[in-house]
Amino acid sequence: MRVTESVKQQTRAALIREGTRLFAEQGFHATTMDQVTAAAGVAKGTLYNYFPTKEDLAMAVVSTEQSDAAEKGMALAAGQGTAEERLTALLTGALGWIQANPDLTMVWCVERIRRGRPDGPSTFNQALIRAVEVGQERGEIRPDRHAVLLAAEVEGLLLVYIVMWYHSGQKMDLRTMLQDAVSGYLQGASTRNGQGG
């Protein structure tokens, strides 16, 4: 019997939903793939058709969370305020979720660095690119560097500062760290210091 695309999407959504719930309740390390399959009501072999490793499931969980936050972020990217305010809002928009899920966030950071972005830019990355483009259009960010590269550097700041925060035992103020990082970065990318004048 052939499985329809609709059933595949429902199965994938159930696995992500139950993975999200179990990771939140038990943490990434304590959650097993057997628990996820049992909670989703699917056979273990089915899970591996969608997510070959627990890290793959974690990436899908975080990607789903990021997509929800990034939808709001796209409106922020071209909205009012300075480039610094827009980029800081994008980077700090998911802090509540990040702080509530430190182990899962750390898995995402490590896997994001290890894997790169094989599926192309995420919605979050697209929002960062748009915020940089708007900053360039408004004369706040130097125009001599491509917005994609500048956005990748800003996203890199997020990864680095999450790792620092995580390894501090989550004792550092991640919001302040990110605000300071964006401010410092933009001083170097500013048209005042670049070729824009």
N, C-alpha and C. Protein backbone atom coordinates (compact mmCIF):
# COMPACT_ATOMS: atom_id res chain seq x y z
N MET A 1 0.84 -1.18 0.00
CA MET A 1 0.00 0.00 0.00
C MET A 1 0.88 1.25 0.00
N ARG A 2 0.60 2.15 -0.89
CA ARG A 2 1.39 3.37 -1.04
C ARG A 2 0.94 4.41 -0.02
N VAL A 3 1.92 5.04 0.64
CA VAL A 3 1.62 6.07 1.64
C VAL A 3 1.49 7.41 0.91
N THR A 4 0.39 8.10 1.15
CA THR A 4 0.15 9.37 0.47
C THR A 4 1.02 10.47 1.06
N GLU A 5 1.18 11.53 0.30
CA GLU A 5 1.97 12.68 0.75
C GLU A 5 1.34 13.29 2.01
N SER A 6 0.04 13.31 2.07
CA SER A 6 -0.66 13.85 3.23
C SER A 6 -0.34 13.05 4.49
N VAL A 7 -0.32 11.72 4.36
CA VAL A 7 0.01 10.86 5.51
C VAL A 7 1.46 11.09 5.92
N LYS A 8 2.35 11.23 4.95
CA LYS A 8 3.76 11.49 5.26
C LYS A 8 3.91 12.79 6.05
N GLN A 9 3.20 13.83 5.60
CA GLN A 9 3.29 15.12 6.30
C GLN A 9 2.72 15.03 7.70
N GLN A 10 1.62 14.29 7.87
CA GLN A 10 1.03 14.11 9.19
C GLN A 10 1.97 13.34 10.12
N THR A 11 2.60 12.31 9.58
CA THR A 11 3.54 11.51 10.38
C THR A 11 4.74 12.35 10.80
N ARG A 12 5.30 13.10 9.85
CA ARG A 12 6.44 13.96 10.17
C ARG A 12 6.06 15.00 11.22
N ALA A 13 4.88 15.61 11.07
CA ALA A 13 4.42 16.62 12.02
C ALA A 13 4.23 16.01 13.41
N ALA A 14 3.71 14.77 13.47
CA ALA A 14 3.51 14.10 14.77
C ALA A 14 4.85 13.82 15.43
N LEU A 15 5.83 13.39 14.65
CA LEU A 15 7.17 13.12 15.21
C LEU A 15 7.81 14.40 15.74
N ILE A 16 7.68 15.47 14.99
CA ILE A 16 8.24 16.75 15.44
C ILE A 16 7.50 17.24 16.69
N ARG A 17 6.17 17.13 16.68
CA ARG A 17 5.37 17.57 17.83
C ARG A 17 5.76 16.81 19.10
N GLU A 18 5.85 15.49 18.99
CA GLU A 18 6.19 14.68 20.17
C GLU A 18 7.66 14.85 20.56
N GLY A 19 8.53 15.01 19.57
CA GLY A 19 9.93 15.31 19.88
C GLY A 19 10.04 16.62 20.63
N THR A 20 9.32 17.62 20.18
CA THR A 20 9.33 18.93 20.84
C THR A 20 8.88 18.80 22.28
N ARG A 21 7.77 18.08 22.49
CA ARG A 21 7.23 17.92 23.84
C ARG A 21 8.20 17.15 24.74
N LEU A 22 8.72 16.04 24.25
CA LEU A 22 9.62 15.22 25.08
C LEU A 22 10.94 15.92 25.36
N PHE A 23 11.50 16.60 24.36
CA PHE A 23 12.74 17.35 24.60
C PHE A 23 12.51 18.42 25.66
N ALA A 24 11.35 19.09 25.61
CA ALA A 24 11.04 20.14 26.59
C ALA A 24 10.85 19.55 27.98
N GLU A 25 10.19 18.41 28.08
CA GLU A 25 9.91 17.80 29.38
C GLU A 25 11.12 17.12 29.99
N GLN A 26 11.91 16.42 29.16
CA GLN A 26 12.98 15.57 29.69
C GLN A 26 14.37 16.06 29.34
N GLY A 27 14.48 16.95 28.36
CA GLY A 27 15.78 17.35 27.86
C GLY A 27 16.18 16.47 26.69
N PHE A 28 17.08 16.99 25.89
CA PHE A 28 17.52 16.28 24.69
C PHE A 28 18.18 14.95 25.03
N HIS A 29 19.10 14.98 25.97
CA HIS A 29 19.91 13.78 26.26
C HIS A 29 19.09 12.65 26.87
N ALA A 30 18.09 12.98 27.66
CA ALA A 30 17.29 11.96 28.34
C ALA A 30 16.20 11.37 27.43
N THR A 31 15.89 12.03 26.36
CA THR A 31 14.84 11.56 25.46
C THR A 31 15.40 10.53 24.49
N THR A 32 14.68 9.42 24.35
CA THR A 32 15.12 8.38 23.42
C THR A 32 14.23 8.38 22.18
N MET A 33 14.75 7.83 21.12
CA MET A 33 13.97 7.71 19.89
C MET A 33 12.79 6.77 20.10
N ASP A 34 12.94 5.74 20.96
CA ASP A 34 11.83 4.85 21.27
C ASP A 34 10.67 5.61 21.91
N GLN A 35 10.99 6.55 22.80
CA GLN A 35 9.95 7.34 23.44
C GLN A 35 9.21 8.21 22.42
N VAL A 36 9.95 8.78 21.48
CA VAL A 36 9.34 9.63 20.46
C VAL A 36 8.40 8.81 19.58
N THR A 37 8.85 7.62 19.15
CA THR A 37 7.99 6.80 18.29
C THR A 37 6.75 6.35 19.03
N ALA A 38 6.90 5.95 20.30
CA ALA A 38 5.74 5.51 21.08
C ALA A 38 4.75 6.65 21.25
N ALA A 39 5.24 7.84 21.56
CA ALA A 39 4.36 8.99 21.77
C ALA A 39 3.65 9.40 20.48
N ALA A 40 4.35 9.26 19.35
CA ALA A 40 3.75 9.63 18.06
C ALA A 40 2.90 8.52 17.47
N GLY A 41 3.01 7.31 18.07
CA GLY A 41 2.21 6.18 17.59
C GLY A 41 2.67 5.64 16.26
N VAL A 42 3.99 5.65 16.03
CA VAL A 42 4.54 5.10 14.79
C VAL A 42 5.61 4.06 15.11
N ALA A 43 5.89 3.23 14.14
CA ALA A 43 6.93 2.21 14.30
C ALA A 43 8.31 2.88 14.30
N LYS A 44 9.24 2.28 15.04
CA LYS A 44 10.57 2.85 15.14
C LYS A 44 11.22 3.01 13.76
N GLY A 45 11.03 2.03 12.90
CA GLY A 45 11.59 2.11 11.55
C GLY A 45 11.05 3.29 10.77
N THR A 46 9.80 3.65 11.04
CA THR A 46 9.19 4.80 10.39
C THR A 46 9.90 6.08 10.79
N LEU A 47 10.22 6.20 12.07
CA LEU A 47 10.93 7.40 12.55
C LEU A 47 12.23 7.60 11.78
N TYR A 48 12.97 6.52 11.59
CA TYR A 48 14.27 6.64 10.92
C TYR A 48 14.14 6.96 9.43
N ASN A 49 12.98 6.73 8.84
CA ASN A 49 12.75 7.17 7.46
C ASN A 49 12.71 8.69 7.37
N TYR A 50 12.26 9.32 8.45
CA TYR A 50 12.12 10.78 8.48
C TYR A 50 13.34 11.45 9.12
N PHE A 51 13.85 10.84 10.19
CA PHE A 51 14.95 11.42 10.96
C PHE A 51 15.95 10.32 11.31
N PRO A 52 17.03 10.19 10.52
CA PRO A 52 17.99 9.10 10.74
C PRO A 52 18.67 9.13 12.11
N THR A 53 18.78 10.32 12.72
CA THR A 53 19.41 10.43 14.04
C THR A 53 18.57 11.34 14.94
N LYS A 54 18.84 11.27 16.22
CA LYS A 54 18.15 12.15 17.16
C LYS A 54 18.52 13.61 16.88
N GLU A 55 19.73 13.84 16.42
CA GLU A 55 20.14 15.20 16.05
C GLU A 55 19.32 15.73 14.88
N ASP A 56 18.99 14.85 13.92
CA ASP A 56 18.14 15.26 12.79
C ASP A 56 16.76 15.70 13.29
N LEU A 57 16.21 14.95 14.24
CA LEU A 57 14.93 15.32 14.83
C LEU A 57 15.06 16.64 15.57
N ALA A 58 16.14 16.82 16.32
CA ALA A 58 16.36 18.07 17.05
C ALA A 58 16.43 19.25 16.09
N MET A 59 17.12 19.08 14.97
CA MET A 59 17.22 20.16 13.98
C MET A 59 15.85 20.52 13.43
N ALA A 60 15.01 19.51 13.21
CA ALA A 60 13.65 19.77 12.71
C ALA A 60 12.82 20.50 13.75
N VAL A 61 12.97 20.11 15.01
CA VAL A 61 12.24 20.77 16.10
C VAL A 61 12.64 22.24 16.19
N VAL A 62 13.94 22.50 16.19
CA VAL A 62 14.42 23.89 16.30
C VAL A 62 14.04 24.67 15.04
N SER A 63 14.14 24.04 13.89
CA SER A 63 13.78 24.72 12.64
C SER A 63 12.32 25.14 12.65
N THR A 64 11.45 24.28 13.17
CA THR A 64 10.02 24.62 13.27
C THR A 64 9.83 25.81 14.19
N GLU A 65 10.52 25.80 15.32
CA GLU A 65 10.43 26.92 16.27
C GLU A 65 10.96 28.20 15.63
N GLN A 66 12.09 28.10 14.93
CA GLN A 66 12.68 29.27 14.28
C GLN A 66 11.77 29.81 13.18
N SER A 67 11.13 28.93 12.44
CA SER A 67 10.25 29.38 11.37
C SER A 67 9.10 30.21 11.93
N ASP A 68 8.54 29.76 13.06
CA ASP A 68 7.46 30.51 13.68
C ASP A 68 7.94 31.89 14.10
N ALA A 69 9.13 31.94 14.73
CA ALA A 69 9.68 33.23 15.18
C ALA A 69 10.08 34.09 13.99
N ALA A 70 10.60 33.47 12.95
CA ALA A 70 11.08 34.22 11.79
C ALA A 70 9.95 34.84 10.99
N GLU A 71 8.76 34.24 11.04
CA GLU A 71 7.62 34.85 10.36
C GLU A 71 7.40 36.26 10.92
N LYS A 72 7.48 36.37 12.24
CA LYS A 72 7.37 37.69 12.87
C LYS A 72 8.59 38.53 12.53
N GLY A 73 9.74 37.86 12.43
CA GLY A 73 10.99 38.55 12.15
C GLY A 73 11.02 39.22 10.79
N MET A 74 10.33 38.65 9.81
CA MET A 74 10.33 39.26 8.47
C MET A 74 9.69 40.65 8.51
N ALA A 75 8.66 40.80 9.34
CA ALA A 75 8.03 42.11 9.48
C ALA A 75 8.99 43.07 10.18
N LEU A 76 9.72 42.56 11.17
CA LEU A 76 10.70 43.40 11.88
C LEU A 76 11.83 43.84 10.96
N ALA A 77 12.24 42.95 10.06
CA ALA A 77 13.42 43.19 9.23
C ALA A 77 13.34 44.48 8.44
N ALA A 78 12.16 44.80 7.94
CA ALA A 78 12.01 46.00 7.11
C ALA A 78 11.25 47.10 7.84
N GLY A 79 11.01 46.89 9.14
CA GLY A 79 10.20 47.83 9.90
C GLY A 79 10.93 49.09 10.33
N GLN A 80 10.29 49.76 11.27
CA GLN A 80 10.84 51.01 11.81
C GLN A 80 12.04 50.70 12.70
N GLY A 81 12.75 51.74 13.06
CA GLY A 81 13.91 51.59 13.92
C GLY A 81 15.19 51.53 13.13
N THR A 82 16.28 51.57 13.86
CA THR A 82 17.61 51.52 13.24
C THR A 82 17.96 50.09 12.86
N ALA A 83 19.00 49.95 12.07
CA ALA A 83 19.49 48.61 11.71
C ALA A 83 19.86 47.84 12.98
N GLU A 84 20.48 48.53 13.93
CA GLU A 84 20.86 47.88 15.19
C GLU A 84 19.63 47.36 15.92
N GLU A 85 18.59 48.17 15.99
CA GLU A 85 17.37 47.75 16.69
C GLU A 85 16.71 46.57 15.98
N ARG A 86 16.67 46.61 14.65
CA ARG A 86 16.03 45.53 13.90
C ARG A 86 16.81 44.22 14.03
N LEU A 87 18.13 44.28 13.88
CA LEU A 87 18.93 43.06 13.98
C LEU A 87 18.91 42.50 15.41
N THR A 88 18.98 43.38 16.40
CA THR A 88 18.92 42.92 17.79
C THR A 88 17.58 42.25 18.07
N ALA A 89 16.49 42.84 17.56
CA ALA A 89 15.17 42.24 17.76
C ALA A 89 15.10 40.85 17.12
N LEU A 90 15.69 40.70 15.95
CA LEU A 90 15.69 39.38 15.29
C LEU A 90 16.48 38.36 16.10
N LEU A 91 17.66 38.76 16.58
CA LEU A 91 18.51 37.82 17.32
C LEU A 91 17.93 37.47 18.68
N THR A 92 17.21 38.39 19.28
CA THR A 92 16.71 38.14 20.63
C THR A 92 15.25 37.69 20.63
N GLY A 93 14.63 37.61 19.46
CA GLY A 93 13.22 37.24 19.37
C GLY A 93 12.89 35.88 19.94
N ALA A 94 13.81 34.95 19.87
CA ALA A 94 13.56 33.59 20.36
C ALA A 94 14.26 33.29 21.67
N LEU A 95 14.70 34.34 22.40
CA LEU A 95 15.47 34.10 23.62
C LEU A 95 14.70 33.31 24.67
N GLY A 96 13.41 33.56 24.80
CA GLY A 96 12.62 32.82 25.78
C GLY A 96 12.69 31.33 25.51
N TRP A 97 12.54 30.96 24.22
CA TRP A 97 12.60 29.55 23.87
C TRP A 97 14.02 29.01 24.05
N ILE A 98 15.00 29.77 23.65
CA ILE A 98 16.40 29.34 23.80
C ILE A 98 16.73 29.08 25.26
N GLN A 99 16.35 30.00 26.12
CA GLN A 99 16.66 29.87 27.55
C GLN A 99 15.89 28.73 28.20
N ALA A 100 14.71 28.41 27.68
CA ALA A 100 13.93 27.29 28.22
C ALA A 100 14.42 25.94 27.70
N ASN A 101 15.21 25.95 26.62
CA ASN A 101 15.68 24.72 25.97
C ASN A 101 17.19 24.78 25.71
N PRO A 102 18.00 24.96 26.74
CA PRO A 102 19.44 25.17 26.50
C PRO A 102 20.14 23.98 25.83
N ASP A 103 19.82 22.75 26.25
CA ASP A 103 20.50 21.59 25.65
C ASP A 103 20.14 21.43 24.18
N LEU A 104 18.87 21.60 23.88
CA LEU A 104 18.42 21.47 22.49
C LEU A 104 19.01 22.59 21.64
N THR A 105 19.09 23.78 22.20
CA THR A 105 19.69 24.91 21.48
C THR A 105 21.17 24.63 21.20
N MET A 106 21.85 24.04 22.17
CA MET A 106 23.27 23.74 21.99
C MET A 106 23.46 22.68 20.90
N VAL A 107 22.59 21.67 20.87
CA VAL A 107 22.65 20.67 19.80
C VAL A 107 22.48 21.36 18.45
N TRP A 108 21.51 22.28 18.37
CA TRP A 108 21.29 23.01 17.13
C TRP A 108 22.54 23.79 16.72
N CYS A 109 23.17 24.48 17.68
CA CYS A 109 24.39 25.26 17.37
C CYS A 109 25.48 24.36 16.79
N VAL A 110 25.74 23.26 17.47
CA VAL A 110 26.81 22.35 17.03
C VAL A 110 26.49 21.77 15.65
N GLU A 111 25.26 21.32 15.47
CA GLU A 111 24.87 20.73 14.19
C GLU A 111 24.83 21.77 13.08
N ARG A 112 24.42 22.98 13.41
CA ARG A 112 24.38 24.07 12.42
C ARG A 112 25.78 24.38 11.91
N ILE A 113 26.75 24.38 12.82
CA ILE A 113 28.14 24.62 12.43
C ILE A 113 28.68 23.42 11.65
N ARG A 114 28.37 22.21 12.12
CA ARG A 114 28.88 20.99 11.48
C ARG A 114 28.28 20.78 10.09
N ARG A 115 26.99 21.02 9.95
CA ARG A 115 26.30 20.71 8.70
C ARG A 115 26.24 21.86 7.72
N GLY A 116 26.39 23.06 8.20
CA GLY A 116 26.15 24.20 7.33
C GLY A 116 24.66 24.36 7.12
N ARG A 117 24.29 24.76 5.92
CA ARG A 117 22.87 24.95 5.61
C ARG A 117 22.57 24.22 4.30
N PRO A 118 22.46 22.88 4.36
CA PRO A 118 22.30 22.13 3.11
C PRO A 118 20.99 22.41 2.38
N ASP A 119 19.98 22.87 3.07
CA ASP A 119 18.67 23.12 2.44
C ASP A 119 18.49 24.57 2.01
N GLY A 120 19.56 25.34 2.02
CA GLY A 120 19.46 26.75 1.65
C GLY A 120 19.13 27.61 2.85
N PRO A 121 18.99 28.92 2.63
CA PRO A 121 18.74 29.84 3.74
C PRO A 121 17.42 29.54 4.45
N SER A 122 17.48 29.58 5.77
CA SER A 122 16.27 29.40 6.57
C SER A 122 15.46 30.70 6.54
N THR A 123 14.24 30.63 7.03
CA THR A 123 13.41 31.83 7.13
C THR A 123 14.09 32.86 8.02
N PHE A 124 14.72 32.38 9.09
CA PHE A 124 15.44 33.27 10.01
C PHE A 124 16.58 33.98 9.27
N ASN A 125 17.35 33.21 8.49
CA ASN A 125 18.46 33.80 7.74
C ASN A 125 17.95 34.80 6.70
N GLN A 126 16.84 34.49 6.07
CA GLN A 126 16.25 35.41 5.09
C GLN A 126 15.84 36.72 5.76
N ALA A 127 15.31 36.63 7.00
CA ALA A 127 14.94 37.85 7.74
C ALA A 127 16.19 38.67 8.07
N LEU A 128 17.29 38.00 8.44
CA LEU A 128 18.55 38.73 8.70
C LEU A 128 19.05 39.41 7.43
N ILE A 129 19.00 38.70 6.31
CA ILE A 129 19.45 39.29 5.04
C ILE A 129 18.61 40.52 4.72
N ARG A 130 17.30 40.40 4.90
CA ARG A 130 16.43 41.54 4.59
C ARG A 130 16.73 42.72 5.51
N ALA A 131 16.98 42.47 6.78
CA ALA A 131 17.30 43.56 7.72
C ALA A 131 18.59 44.26 7.31
N VAL A 132 19.57 43.49 6.85
CA VAL A 132 20.83 44.09 6.38
C VAL A 132 20.58 44.89 5.11
N GLU A 133 19.82 44.34 4.17
CA GLU A 133 19.52 45.06 2.92
C GLU A 133 18.83 46.39 3.21
N VAL A 134 17.87 46.37 4.13
CA VAL A 134 17.17 47.60 4.49
C VAL A 134 18.15 48.60 5.11
N GLY A 135 19.05 48.10 5.96
CA GLY A 135 20.08 48.97 6.54
C GLY A 135 20.97 49.58 5.48
N GLN A 136 21.29 48.80 4.45
CA GLN A 136 22.10 49.31 3.34
C GLN A 136 21.31 50.35 2.54
N GLU A 137 20.05 50.05 2.28
CA GLU A 137 19.21 50.99 1.52
C GLU A 137 19.04 52.32 2.26
N ARG A 138 19.00 52.26 3.57
CA ARG A 138 18.80 53.46 4.38
C ARG A 138 20.12 54.16 4.72
N GLY A 139 21.22 53.61 4.23
CA GLY A 139 22.52 54.24 4.46
C GLY A 139 23.11 54.00 5.84
N GLU A 140 22.61 53.00 6.56
CA GLU A 140 23.11 52.70 7.91
C GLU A 140 24.24 51.67 7.88
N ILE A 141 24.24 50.82 6.86
CA ILE A 141 25.22 49.74 6.76
C ILE A 141 25.94 49.90 5.43
N ARG A 142 27.24 49.75 5.47
CA ARG A 142 28.05 49.94 4.27
C ARG A 142 27.58 49.04 3.12
N PRO A 143 27.52 49.59 1.93
CA PRO A 143 26.98 48.85 0.79
C PRO A 143 28.01 48.04 0.02
N ASP A 144 29.28 48.11 0.40
CA ASP A 144 30.32 47.46 -0.40
C ASP A 144 30.48 45.97 -0.09
N ARG A 145 29.71 45.45 0.84
CA ARG A 145 29.74 44.01 1.13
C ARG A 145 28.34 43.45 0.92
N HIS A 146 28.28 42.26 0.41
CA HIS A 146 26.99 41.63 0.07
C HIS A 146 26.19 41.36 1.36
N ALA A 147 24.89 41.61 1.29
CA ALA A 147 24.00 41.43 2.45
C ALA A 147 24.01 39.99 2.96
N VAL A 148 24.17 39.02 2.06
CA VAL A 148 24.19 37.61 2.47
C VAL A 148 25.38 37.35 3.39
N LEU A 149 26.54 37.90 3.05
CA LEU A 149 27.74 37.72 3.90
C LEU A 149 27.58 38.41 5.24
N LEU A 150 27.08 39.63 5.22
CA LEU A 150 26.88 40.37 6.47
C LEU A 150 25.88 39.64 7.37
N ALA A 151 24.80 39.13 6.79
CA ALA A 151 23.80 38.39 7.58
C ALA A 151 24.40 37.12 8.16
N ALA A 152 25.25 36.43 7.40
CA ALA A 152 25.90 35.22 7.90
C ALA A 152 26.80 35.55 9.09
N GLU A 153 27.48 36.70 9.02
CA GLU A 153 28.33 37.11 10.13
C GLU A 153 27.50 37.41 11.38
N VAL A 154 26.36 38.05 11.18
CA VAL A 154 25.48 38.35 12.32
C VAL A 154 24.94 37.06 12.92
N GLU A 155 24.56 36.10 12.06
CA GLU A 155 24.09 34.81 12.57
C GLU A 155 25.21 34.08 13.30
N GLY A 156 26.44 34.25 12.81
CA GLY A 156 27.59 33.66 13.49
C GLY A 156 27.75 34.21 14.90
N LEU A 157 27.48 35.50 15.08
CA LEU A 157 27.50 36.09 16.42
C LEU A 157 26.51 35.37 17.33
N LEU A 158 25.33 35.11 16.81
CA LEU A 158 24.32 34.41 17.60
C LEU A 158 24.84 33.05 18.05
N LEU A 159 25.41 32.28 17.13
CA LEU A 159 25.92 30.96 17.48
C LEU A 159 27.01 31.04 18.53
N VAL A 160 27.96 31.94 18.35
CA VAL A 160 29.08 32.07 19.29
C VAL A 160 28.60 32.46 20.68
N TYR A 161 27.70 33.42 20.73
CA TYR A 161 27.24 33.89 22.03
C TYR A 161 26.33 32.89 22.72
N ILE A 162 25.58 32.10 21.96
CA ILE A 162 24.80 31.03 22.60
C ILE A 162 25.74 30.00 23.22
N VAL A 163 26.81 29.63 22.51
CA VAL A 163 27.77 28.67 23.05
C VAL A 163 28.43 29.23 24.32
N MET A 164 28.82 30.49 24.29
CA MET A 164 29.42 31.10 25.49
C MET A 164 28.44 31.09 26.66
N TRP A 165 27.19 31.46 26.38
CA TRP A 165 26.15 31.48 27.41
C TRP A 165 25.93 30.08 27.97
N TYR A 166 25.84 29.10 27.08
CA TYR A 166 25.60 27.72 27.51
C TYR A 166 26.72 27.23 28.43
N HIS A 167 27.97 27.47 28.03
CA HIS A 167 29.11 26.98 28.80
C HIS A 167 29.35 27.78 30.07
N SER A 168 28.69 28.92 30.22
CA SER A 168 28.77 29.67 31.48
C SER A 168 27.79 29.10 32.49
N GLY A 169 27.07 28.04 32.11
CA GLY A 169 26.03 27.51 32.96
C GLY A 169 24.77 28.34 32.89
N GLN A 170 24.61 29.06 31.79
CA GLN A 170 23.50 29.97 31.54
C GLN A 170 23.44 31.10 32.56
N LYS A 171 24.61 31.47 33.08
CA LYS A 171 24.68 32.55 34.08
C LYS A 171 24.86 33.92 33.44
N MET A 172 25.36 33.96 32.22
CA MET A 172 25.57 35.23 31.55
C MET A 172 24.23 35.75 31.02
N ASP A 173 24.13 37.05 30.87
CA ASP A 173 22.91 37.67 30.35
C ASP A 173 22.98 37.65 28.83
N LEU A 174 22.32 36.68 28.22
CA LEU A 174 22.42 36.47 26.79
C LEU A 174 21.85 37.65 26.00
N ARG A 175 20.78 38.24 26.48
CA ARG A 175 20.19 39.39 25.78
C ARG A 175 21.20 40.53 25.69
N THR A 176 21.83 40.87 26.82
CA THR A 176 22.80 41.96 26.83
C THR A 176 24.01 41.63 25.95
N MET A 177 24.44 40.36 26.02
CA MET A 177 25.58 39.94 25.19
C MET A 177 25.27 40.14 23.72
N LEU A 178 24.08 39.75 23.29
CA LEU A 178 23.72 39.87 21.87
C LEU A 178 23.54 41.33 21.46
N GLN A 179 22.95 42.14 22.34
CA GLN A 179 22.80 43.56 22.04
C GLN A 179 24.17 44.21 21.85
N ASP A 180 25.10 43.91 22.76
CA ASP A 180 26.46 44.46 22.67
C ASP A 180 27.18 43.97 21.42
N ALA A 181 26.97 42.69 21.08
CA ALA A 181 27.64 42.11 19.90
C ALA A 181 27.15 42.77 18.62
N VAL A 182 25.84 42.97 18.51
CA VAL A 182 25.28 43.62 17.31
C VAL A 182 25.78 45.05 17.22
N SER A 183 25.79 45.75 18.35
CA SER A 183 26.26 47.13 18.37
C SER A 183 27.72 47.22 17.91
N GLY A 184 28.56 46.38 18.48
CA GLY A 184 29.98 46.37 18.11
C GLY A 184 30.19 45.99 16.66
N TYR A 185 29.44 44.99 16.20
CA TYR A 185 29.57 44.56 14.82
C TYR A 185 29.18 45.68 13.86
N LEU A 186 28.07 46.32 14.14
CA LEU A 186 27.59 47.36 13.23
C LEU A 186 28.48 48.60 13.23
N GLN A 187 29.23 48.81 14.29
CA GLN A 187 30.18 49.93 14.25
C GLN A 187 31.20 49.69 13.15
N GLY A 188 31.57 48.44 12.96
CA GLY A 188 32.51 48.11 11.88
C GLY A 188 31.85 48.08 10.51
N ALA A 189 30.54 47.82 10.47
CA ALA A 189 29.81 47.74 9.20
C ALA A 189 29.10 49.03 8.87
N SER A 190 29.27 50.02 9.72
CA SER A 190 28.57 51.29 9.54
C SER A 190 29.10 52.06 8.34
N THR A 191 28.23 52.85 7.73
CA THR A 191 28.69 53.69 6.64
C THR A 191 29.62 54.77 7.14
N ARG A 192 29.56 55.07 8.44
CA ARG A 192 30.46 56.08 9.00
C ARG A 192 31.91 55.60 8.96
N ASN A 193 32.10 54.27 9.09
CA ASN A 193 33.45 53.72 9.12
C ASN A 193 33.84 53.04 7.81
N GLY A 194 32.86 52.86 6.94
CA GLY A 194 33.14 52.17 5.69
C GLY A 194 33.26 53.14 4.55
N GLN A 195 32.98 52.66 3.37
CA GLN A 195 33.16 53.50 2.19
C GLN A 195 31.95 54.39 1.92
N GLY A 196 30.90 54.20 2.73
CA GLY A 196 29.70 54.98 2.50
C GLY A 196 29.80 56.41 2.98
N GLY A 197 30.84 56.80 3.71
CA GLY A 197 30.97 58.18 4.06
C GLY A 197 31.21 58.41 5.48
